[in-house]
Amino acid sequence: MKKLIYYFFITIIFAAAILVWIIFSGATSFSERNKQFIIEESKTSKKEVIQTLQQNNIIGGSMAIGYIGDILGIWSKIKPGKYAVKQGENLLSIARMLKNGNQISIKLVINKLRTKQDFAKLVSKNFAVDSVSVMNYLSNPDSLKQFNVDTNNVFTIILPDTYSFYWFTSIHKIFIKLNETKEKFWNKNDRINKAQVLGYTPEEVYTLASIIEEETNHDSDRSKIASVYLNRLKIGMPLQACPTIKFAMKNFTLTRIYEKYLFYPSLYNTYRNKGLPPGPICTPSPKCIDLVLNAPKTDYLYFVANANFDGYHHFSSNFAEHSHYAKEYQKSLDIYMANKANKEE
């Protein structure tokens, strides 16, 4: 009898040791340092989640995770989303992660975007929402109404930055966060008041900054270009901004704006239309927006790229001086284009 009891306890201890080993030892079956997997919205049942774990080589067997999940009561609490497991994690850790819905945070890095298609492609690449749904959202006035923007100036909500979302975050929730960031930006550093002093709304300042963003990469010139455009707007002179022609034609590879392009029919053609275009032509950096808000007071009305192609510009307050430097630049550009053509032959 004593031997029977002894063997019984030995068996229980041995079984408990195996159970502890199964629960707390590394259970992953992949070789990478960590691995991500997605639990689809339509596949959150016990059977489907276990299948997902196995199909992605997160775990080997299904029985142990099933039992642990039953004990912890996780199967009714599974949230769809994107998760990550480190190599060597145990089943208890994985089960707790699923129970608590500890999804990974995905970065949405927004730099300079020019078109709605660019934005839709970026979002669909990083999140579950497809590009068609994003385009439909951006093109739907009813969707945008709560943000006080329309289909033309919708990009004024988007400030280049790094944002964090979950895999199944909807495009509407993404825009809510983008809009919150926009409002925080404009409510700092007296920006709204500065825009009012200039006589423009934040959206209009953003639009002007988007044009300047495309003109040059040099901040010192950006400030002066901002003063040129503000001066032109003040006297009712067309902006005559070459980047708006590229945007209107949706051809961002153009290196030279020929006269025939200036007649392209578009509200974004600032050679044909006075004032600001109906919306931005890219997502300007916050720094560029501030350069517009703090633009220096000048009497400049014209500018042209330097003939040595150093990326800087010559600024003038009268057309005669501007014409002189413009001819120098055109001459240098002609020589450059001719040399380029000869090399390609």
Protein backbone atom coordinates (compact mmCIF):
# COMPACT_ATOMS: atom_id res chain seq x y z
CA MET A 1 0.00 0.00 0.00
CA LYS A 2 2.82 2.37 0.91
CA LYS A 3 4.55 1.57 -2.37
CA LEU A 4 1.33 2.28 -4.26
CA ILE A 5 0.97 5.65 -2.58
CA TYR A 6 4.65 6.35 -3.22
CA TYR A 7 4.35 5.59 -6.93
CA PHE A 8 1.13 7.63 -7.08
CA PHE A 9 2.90 10.70 -5.68
CA ILE A 10 5.88 10.13 -7.94
CA THR A 11 3.56 10.00 -10.92
CA ILE A 12 1.81 13.21 -9.86
CA ILE A 13 5.14 14.98 -9.32
CA PHE A 14 6.41 13.74 -12.67
CA ALA A 15 3.21 14.83 -14.44
CA ALA A 16 3.35 18.21 -12.70
CA ALA A 17 6.96 18.63 -13.76
CA ILE A 18 6.02 17.87 -17.37
CA LEU A 19 3.13 20.30 -17.16
CA VAL A 20 5.35 23.04 -15.74
CA TRP A 21 7.92 22.33 -18.44
CA ILE A 22 5.25 22.56 -21.16
CA ILE A 23 3.82 25.79 -19.77
CA PHE A 24 7.02 27.64 -18.92
CA SER A 25 9.60 26.37 -21.40
CA GLY A 26 10.09 27.98 -24.79
CA ALA A 27 7.26 26.97 -27.07
CA THR A 28 8.02 28.83 -30.28
CA SER A 29 8.88 26.92 -33.44
CA PHE A 30 10.50 29.63 -35.55
CA SER A 31 14.17 30.55 -35.88
CA GLU A 32 13.85 34.34 -36.17
CA ARG A 33 14.38 36.64 -33.18
CA ASN A 34 10.69 37.50 -33.28
CA LYS A 35 7.77 36.84 -35.54
CA GLN A 36 4.58 38.73 -36.30
CA PHE A 37 1.21 37.27 -37.12
CA ILE A 38 -2.28 38.56 -37.81
CA ILE A 39 -5.53 37.37 -36.27
CA GLU A 40 -8.20 38.24 -38.81
CA GLU A 41 -11.47 39.84 -37.75
CA SER A 42 -13.41 36.81 -39.00
CA LYS A 43 -11.10 34.25 -37.38
CA THR A 44 -11.17 34.75 -33.62
CA SER A 45 -12.58 31.39 -32.48
CA LYS A 46 -10.43 28.95 -30.50
CA LYS A 47 -9.94 26.62 -33.46
CA GLU A 48 -9.13 29.44 -35.90
CA VAL A 49 -6.69 31.20 -33.56
CA ILE A 50 -4.79 27.97 -32.90
CA GLN A 51 -4.69 27.31 -36.65
CA THR A 52 -3.28 30.82 -37.18
CA LEU A 53 -0.57 30.20 -34.58
CA GLN A 54 0.40 26.91 -36.21
CA GLN A 55 0.25 28.16 -39.80
CA ASN A 56 2.61 31.00 -38.88
CA ASN A 57 4.97 28.59 -37.08
CA ILE A 58 4.42 30.43 -33.81
CA ILE A 59 3.87 27.16 -31.90
CA GLY A 60 4.10 23.49 -32.72
CA GLY A 61 1.32 21.48 -31.10
CA SER A 62 -2.21 22.70 -30.46
CA MET A 63 -3.31 20.69 -27.41
CA ALA A 64 -1.30 22.53 -24.75
CA ILE A 65 -2.23 26.07 -25.88
CA GLY A 66 -5.83 24.91 -26.10
CA TYR A 67 -5.84 23.74 -22.48
CA ILE A 68 -4.03 26.82 -21.20
CA GLY A 69 -6.43 29.03 -23.12
CA ASP A 70 -9.38 27.20 -21.60
CA ILE A 71 -8.03 27.64 -18.08
CA LEU A 72 -7.35 31.36 -18.62
CA GLY A 73 -10.62 31.88 -20.48
CA ILE A 74 -9.00 33.65 -23.40
CA TRP A 75 -11.04 32.36 -26.32
CA SER A 76 -13.98 34.70 -25.83
CA LYS A 77 -11.65 37.67 -25.43
CA ILE A 78 -9.51 37.38 -28.56
CA LYS A 79 -9.15 40.67 -30.42
CA PRO A 80 -8.29 40.76 -34.10
CA GLY A 81 -5.02 42.50 -34.87
CA LYS A 82 -1.31 42.14 -35.44
CA TYR A 83 0.76 40.49 -32.73
CA ALA A 84 4.44 39.67 -32.23
CA VAL A 85 6.08 36.79 -30.35
CA LYS A 86 9.73 36.60 -29.34
CA GLN A 87 11.72 33.47 -29.98
CA GLY A 88 11.63 31.21 -26.94
CA GLU A 89 8.45 32.64 -25.39
CA ASN A 90 6.42 30.16 -23.40
CA LEU A 91 2.79 29.19 -23.90
CA LEU A 92 1.61 31.01 -20.78
CA SER A 93 3.15 34.26 -22.03
CA ILE A 94 1.58 33.81 -25.47
CA ALA A 95 -1.82 33.00 -23.96
CA ARG A 96 -1.70 36.08 -21.70
CA MET A 97 -0.75 38.26 -24.66
CA LEU A 98 -3.80 37.04 -26.56
CA LYS A 99 -6.07 37.42 -23.54
CA ASN A 100 -4.97 41.02 -22.94
CA GLY A 101 -5.02 41.91 -26.64
CA ASN A 102 -1.43 43.17 -26.51
CA GLN A 103 -1.08 44.00 -30.18
CA ILE A 104 2.03 45.57 -31.67
CA SER A 105 1.99 49.26 -32.45
CA ILE A 106 2.64 50.00 -36.12
CA LYS A 107 4.40 53.18 -37.20
CA LEU A 108 2.93 55.36 -39.90
CA VAL A 109 5.84 57.51 -41.06
CA ILE A 110 4.63 60.44 -43.12
CA ASN A 111 7.18 62.50 -44.99
CA LYS A 112 6.38 64.45 -48.13
CA LEU A 113 3.34 63.16 -49.99
CA ARG A 114 1.99 64.74 -53.14
CA THR A 115 -1.19 62.93 -54.08
CA LYS A 116 -4.07 61.10 -52.48
CA GLN A 117 -2.84 57.97 -54.20
CA ASP A 118 0.50 58.35 -52.41
CA PHE A 119 -1.26 58.53 -49.05
CA ALA A 120 -3.60 55.62 -49.85
CA LYS A 121 -0.66 53.46 -50.89
CA LEU A 122 1.27 54.31 -47.71
CA VAL A 123 -1.67 53.50 -45.42
CA SER A 124 -2.63 50.26 -47.19
CA LYS A 125 0.99 49.11 -47.09
CA ASN A 126 1.10 49.39 -43.30
CA PHE A 127 -2.46 48.59 -42.20
CA ALA A 128 -5.37 46.30 -42.96
CA VAL A 129 -7.38 48.98 -44.76
CA ASP A 130 -7.01 48.78 -48.55
CA SER A 131 -6.08 51.68 -50.81
CA VAL A 132 -9.51 51.77 -52.47
CA SER A 133 -11.19 52.36 -49.10
CA VAL A 134 -8.70 55.13 -48.31
CA MET A 135 -9.32 56.81 -51.68
CA ASN A 136 -13.08 56.58 -51.19
CA TYR A 137 -12.72 58.21 -47.77
CA LEU A 138 -10.55 61.03 -49.11
CA SER A 139 -13.02 61.63 -51.94
CA ASN A 140 -16.15 61.64 -49.79
CA PRO A 141 -17.20 65.14 -48.59
CA ASP A 142 -19.42 63.61 -45.90
CA SER A 143 -16.45 61.75 -44.38
CA LEU A 144 -14.37 64.91 -44.26
CA LYS A 145 -17.05 67.30 -43.05
CA GLN A 146 -16.32 66.80 -39.34
CA PHE A 147 -12.71 67.91 -39.92
CA ASN A 148 -13.78 71.14 -41.68
CA VAL A 149 -11.94 70.23 -44.87
CA ASP A 150 -13.05 69.22 -48.35
CA THR A 151 -11.71 66.88 -50.99
CA ASN A 152 -9.32 69.56 -52.25
CA ASN A 153 -7.68 70.66 -49.01
CA VAL A 154 -7.95 67.36 -47.08
CA PHE A 155 -4.14 67.14 -46.94
CA THR A 156 -4.06 70.18 -44.65
CA ILE A 157 -4.92 67.73 -41.87
CA ILE A 158 -1.74 65.76 -42.49
CA LEU A 159 1.46 66.95 -40.82
CA PRO A 160 4.63 65.00 -41.64
CA ASP A 161 5.49 63.05 -38.50
CA THR A 162 5.56 59.51 -37.11
CA TYR A 163 2.23 58.18 -35.86
CA SER A 164 1.37 54.91 -34.08
CA PHE A 165 -1.72 52.80 -34.76
CA TYR A 166 -2.89 49.19 -34.56
CA TRP A 167 -3.18 46.93 -37.61
CA PHE A 168 -6.98 47.10 -37.91
CA THR A 169 -7.28 50.83 -37.19
CA SER A 170 -9.88 52.30 -39.54
CA ILE A 171 -9.06 55.16 -41.88
CA HIS A 172 -11.56 57.28 -39.94
CA LYS A 173 -9.70 56.73 -36.66
CA ILE A 174 -6.41 57.43 -38.41
CA PHE A 175 -7.81 60.78 -39.52
CA ILE A 176 -9.09 61.57 -36.05
CA LYS A 177 -5.54 61.24 -34.72
CA LEU A 178 -4.08 63.21 -37.63
CA ASN A 179 -6.57 65.98 -36.97
CA GLU A 180 -5.75 66.01 -33.24
CA THR A 181 -2.08 66.44 -34.13
CA LYS A 182 -2.96 69.24 -36.53
CA GLU A 183 -4.96 71.11 -33.89
CA LYS A 184 -2.16 70.77 -31.31
CA PHE A 185 0.32 72.13 -33.85
CA TRP A 186 -1.74 75.18 -34.73
CA ASN A 187 -2.60 75.96 -31.12
CA LYS A 188 1.10 76.26 -30.23
CA ASN A 189 3.54 79.13 -30.70
CA ASP A 190 0.84 81.65 -31.61
CA ARG A 191 0.48 80.08 -35.06
CA ILE A 192 -3.23 80.78 -35.53
CA ASN A 193 -2.76 84.44 -34.66
CA LYS A 194 0.21 84.72 -37.01
CA ALA A 195 -1.91 83.29 -39.82
CA GLN A 196 -4.66 85.81 -39.08
CA VAL A 197 -2.15 88.66 -39.16
CA LEU A 198 -1.14 87.52 -42.63
CA GLY A 199 -4.82 87.44 -43.56
CA TYR A 200 -5.09 83.71 -44.11
CA THR A 201 -6.53 80.60 -42.50
CA PRO A 202 -4.25 77.80 -41.27
CA GLU A 203 -5.36 75.76 -44.29
CA GLU A 204 -4.35 78.53 -46.66
CA VAL A 205 -0.97 78.94 -44.97
CA TYR A 206 -0.47 75.18 -45.27
CA THR A 207 -1.29 75.37 -48.99
CA LEU A 208 1.21 78.18 -49.55
CA ALA A 209 3.84 76.27 -47.56
CA SER A 210 3.27 73.22 -49.78
CA ILE A 211 4.24 75.26 -52.85
CA ILE A 212 7.33 76.66 -51.14
CA GLU A 213 8.29 73.16 -49.98
CA GLU A 214 8.53 72.15 -53.64
CA GLU A 215 10.53 75.21 -54.71
CA THR A 216 13.78 74.58 -52.82
CA ASN A 217 15.37 72.68 -49.94
CA HIS A 218 17.16 75.74 -48.54
CA ASP A 219 15.36 77.33 -45.59
CA SER A 220 16.93 80.74 -46.14
CA ASP A 221 15.47 80.84 -49.64
CA ARG A 222 12.17 79.41 -48.50
CA SER A 223 11.67 82.40 -46.21
CA LYS A 224 12.33 84.82 -49.07
CA ILE A 225 10.13 82.86 -51.48
CA ALA A 226 7.36 83.04 -48.88
CA SER A 227 7.74 86.83 -48.85
CA VAL A 228 7.58 86.91 -52.67
CA TYR A 229 4.35 84.92 -52.80
CA LEU A 230 2.77 86.89 -49.96
CA ASN A 231 3.63 90.10 -51.80
CA ARG A 232 2.12 88.78 -55.02
CA LEU A 233 -1.05 87.71 -53.27
CA LYS A 234 -1.32 91.13 -51.61
CA ILE A 235 -1.31 93.02 -54.91
CA GLY A 236 -3.43 90.49 -56.79
CA MET A 237 -0.57 89.22 -58.93
CA PRO A 238 -0.72 85.54 -59.99
CA LEU A 239 1.60 83.33 -57.97
CA GLN A 240 3.09 81.87 -61.16
CA ALA A 241 4.55 78.96 -59.22
CA CYS A 242 6.11 76.26 -61.38
CA PRO A 243 5.50 73.44 -58.85
CA THR A 244 1.75 73.96 -59.27
CA ILE A 245 2.12 73.18 -62.98
CA LYS A 246 3.80 69.88 -62.16
CA PHE A 247 1.01 69.07 -59.70
CA ALA A 248 -1.72 70.04 -62.15
CA MET A 249 -0.19 67.80 -64.82
CA LYS A 250 0.63 65.09 -62.26
CA ASN A 251 4.11 64.95 -63.74
CA PHE A 252 6.68 65.41 -60.98
CA THR A 253 9.61 64.46 -63.18
CA LEU A 254 9.51 67.71 -65.15
CA THR A 255 12.83 69.55 -64.92
CA ARG A 256 11.78 72.44 -67.14
CA ILE A 257 8.45 74.21 -67.43
CA TYR A 258 7.92 75.14 -71.08
CA GLU A 259 5.56 77.93 -72.08
CA LYS A 260 3.04 75.47 -73.50
CA TYR A 261 2.61 73.95 -70.03
CA LEU A 262 1.49 77.29 -68.62
CA PHE A 263 -1.84 76.96 -70.41
CA TYR A 264 -2.68 73.60 -68.87
CA PRO A 265 -6.36 73.76 -67.77
CA SER A 266 -6.46 73.26 -64.02
CA LEU A 267 -7.47 75.18 -60.91
CA TYR A 268 -3.98 74.36 -59.64
CA ASN A 269 -2.36 76.25 -62.50
CA THR A 270 -1.28 79.44 -60.74
CA TYR A 271 -0.25 81.01 -64.05
CA ARG A 272 -3.87 80.95 -65.29
CA ASN A 273 -5.56 81.52 -61.92
CA LYS A 274 -4.94 84.24 -59.36
CA GLY A 275 -4.74 83.50 -55.66
CA LEU A 276 -3.98 80.23 -53.95
CA PRO A 277 -4.88 76.89 -55.52
CA PRO A 278 -7.85 75.05 -53.96
CA GLY A 279 -5.57 72.87 -51.86
CA PRO A 280 -1.96 71.93 -51.09
CA ILE A 281 0.29 70.28 -53.66
CA CYS A 282 2.21 68.25 -51.05
CA THR A 283 2.51 67.78 -47.31
CA PRO A 284 4.97 70.49 -46.23
CA SER A 285 7.17 70.08 -43.18
CA PRO A 286 6.08 71.88 -39.99
CA LYS A 287 9.29 73.90 -40.32
CA CYS A 288 8.26 75.15 -43.75
CA ILE A 289 4.86 76.19 -42.38
CA ASP A 290 6.62 78.20 -39.68
CA LEU A 291 8.82 79.83 -42.30
CA VAL A 292 5.68 81.13 -44.00
CA LEU A 293 4.19 82.34 -40.72
CA ASN A 294 7.43 84.16 -39.92
CA ALA A 295 8.28 85.32 -43.43
CA PRO A 296 10.43 88.47 -43.58
CA LYS A 297 9.01 91.74 -44.87
CA THR A 298 10.54 92.41 -48.29
CA ASP A 299 9.66 94.18 -51.51
CA TYR A 300 10.58 91.12 -53.61
CA LEU A 301 8.20 90.14 -56.37
CA TYR A 302 10.41 87.87 -58.43
CA PHE A 303 12.96 85.11 -58.00
CA VAL A 304 14.86 82.76 -60.27
CA ALA A 305 17.30 79.91 -59.66
CA ASN A 306 20.98 80.82 -59.75
CA ALA A 307 22.71 80.06 -63.02
CA ASN A 308 25.36 77.95 -61.26
CA PHE A 309 22.65 75.46 -60.10
CA ASP A 310 23.67 75.71 -56.44
CA GLY A 311 20.04 75.39 -55.39
CA TYR A 312 19.73 79.00 -54.29
CA HIS A 313 17.86 81.86 -55.98
CA HIS A 314 18.26 85.48 -56.94
CA PHE A 315 15.49 87.76 -55.67
CA SER A 316 14.36 91.00 -57.31
CA SER A 317 11.83 93.73 -56.68
CA ASN A 318 11.59 94.81 -60.33
CA PHE A 319 11.05 92.88 -63.53
CA ALA A 320 14.04 94.33 -65.41
CA GLU A 321 16.51 92.96 -62.87
CA HIS A 322 14.65 89.67 -62.70
CA SER A 323 14.66 89.35 -66.49
CA HIS A 324 18.46 89.74 -66.56
CA TYR A 325 19.05 86.91 -64.10
CA ALA A 326 16.31 84.78 -65.67
CA LYS A 327 18.09 84.97 -69.04
CA GLU A 328 21.36 83.92 -67.41
CA TYR A 329 19.64 80.93 -65.84
CA GLN A 330 17.89 79.94 -69.08
CA LYS A 331 21.19 80.13 -70.96
CA SER A 332 22.89 77.85 -68.44
CA LEU A 333 19.94 75.49 -68.51
CA ASP A 334 20.05 75.31 -72.32
CA ILE A 335 23.72 74.36 -72.16
CA TYR A 336 23.04 71.77 -69.47
CA MET A 337 20.16 70.20 -71.42
CA ALA A 338 22.23 70.10 -74.62
CA ASN A 339 25.14 68.39 -72.87
CA LYS A 340 22.76 65.91 -71.29
CA ALA A 341 21.21 65.10 -74.66
CA ASN A 342 24.66 64.54 -76.21
CA LYS A 343 25.63 62.12 -73.46
CA GLU A 344 22.44 60.12 -73.99
CA GLU A 345 23.05 59.72 -77.73
